[in-house]
Amino acid sequence: MRDDLVERGERLYKEKLKDELEPEHTGRYVAIEPESGKYFLDDTGTGALAAAHREMPNHLFYLMRVGYQTADALGGYASRIR
């Protein structure tokens, strides 16, 4: 079911939302409810999901960052102490 959610969310974004949201909202987060096509934008992923759950509490959402391949990235640095 989760793979299906990802597939439907990505398809909806590519086919309908990408042209509408990019480039004006690039960098913001979008929570997409694939069944209805409703979406919720915010500057944070938490904010987008919170808005989505307030309006549609019993639904699952696909979260992504507008204009990016992934919602977040992991990165950092470390130094080795001997």
Protein backbone atom coordinates (compact mmCIF):
# COMPACT_ATOMS: atom_id res chain seq x y z
CA MET A 1 0.00 0.00 0.00
CA ARG A 2 2.80 2.45 0.83
CA ASP A 3 4.54 1.77 -2.49
CA ASP A 4 1.24 2.51 -4.19
CA LEU A 5 0.95 5.77 -2.22
CA VAL A 6 4.41 6.83 -3.38
CA GLU A 7 3.70 5.88 -6.97
CA ARG A 8 0.36 7.73 -7.05
CA GLY A 9 1.79 10.79 -5.27
CA GLU A 10 4.73 11.04 -7.65
CA ARG A 11 2.51 10.56 -10.70
CA LEU A 12 0.05 13.24 -9.56
CA TYR A 13 2.90 15.66 -8.93
CA LYS A 14 4.55 15.05 -12.31
CA GLU A 15 1.32 15.10 -14.33
CA LYS A 16 -0.64 17.89 -12.65
CA LEU A 17 1.16 19.79 -9.91
CA LYS A 18 4.72 20.27 -11.16
CA ASP A 19 3.87 22.97 -13.71
CA GLU A 20 1.55 24.67 -11.22
CA LEU A 21 3.99 24.72 -8.28
CA GLU A 22 7.39 25.18 -9.93
CA PRO A 23 9.23 27.56 -9.91
CA GLU A 24 7.16 29.85 -7.67
CA HIS A 25 7.14 27.39 -4.74
CA THR A 26 10.50 25.67 -5.29
CA GLY A 27 11.99 24.65 -1.95
CA ARG A 28 8.67 24.51 -0.12
CA TYR A 29 7.09 21.21 0.97
CA VAL A 30 3.91 19.74 -0.44
CA ALA A 31 1.77 17.04 1.16
CA ILE A 32 -0.34 15.37 -1.53
CA GLU A 33 -3.47 13.27 -0.95
CA PRO A 34 -3.45 11.19 -4.16
CA GLU A 35 -7.11 10.09 -4.14
CA SER A 36 -8.58 13.60 -4.13
CA GLY A 37 -5.64 15.47 -5.64
CA LYS A 38 -5.69 17.94 -2.73
CA TYR A 39 -2.36 19.28 -1.65
CA PHE A 40 -1.01 21.40 1.19
CA LEU A 41 2.05 23.69 0.97
CA ASP A 42 4.28 24.93 3.75
CA ASP A 43 7.87 26.01 4.31
CA THR A 44 8.47 22.83 6.35
CA GLY A 45 7.47 19.22 5.87
CA THR A 46 5.95 19.19 9.34
CA GLY A 47 3.83 22.23 8.53
CA ALA A 48 2.55 20.76 5.26
CA LEU A 49 1.63 17.47 6.95
CA ALA A 50 0.02 19.21 9.92
CA ALA A 51 -2.20 21.27 7.61
CA ALA A 52 -3.09 18.17 5.62
CA HIS A 53 -3.99 16.14 8.72
CA ARG A 54 -6.10 18.98 10.15
CA GLU A 55 -8.26 19.04 7.03
CA MET A 56 -8.16 15.33 6.18
CA PRO A 57 -7.34 13.47 9.43
CA ASN A 58 -8.00 9.93 8.20
CA HIS A 59 -5.93 10.08 5.01
CA LEU A 60 -2.36 9.26 4.03
CA PHE A 61 -0.18 11.81 2.26
CA TYR A 62 2.82 11.79 -0.02
CA LEU A 63 5.34 14.41 1.11
CA MET A 64 7.89 15.96 -1.18
CA ARG A 65 9.91 19.11 -1.63
CA VAL A 66 8.87 21.16 -4.65
CA GLY A 67 11.57 21.15 -7.31
CA TYR A 68 13.69 18.43 -5.65
CA GLN A 69 14.05 14.68 -6.14
CA THR A 70 13.69 14.01 -2.40
CA ALA A 71 12.05 15.77 0.53
CA ASP A 72 15.26 15.99 2.58
CA ALA A 73 18.94 15.21 2.34
CA LEU A 74 21.34 13.80 4.88
CA GLY A 75 24.73 15.36 5.12
CA GLY A 76 27.36 16.56 7.47
CA TYR A 77 30.99 16.33 8.33
CA ALA A 78 33.17 14.73 10.92
CA SER A 79 36.74 14.98 12.03
CA ARG A 80 38.81 12.09 13.19
CA ILE A 81 40.57 12.50 16.48
CA ARG A 82 43.62 10.31 17.18
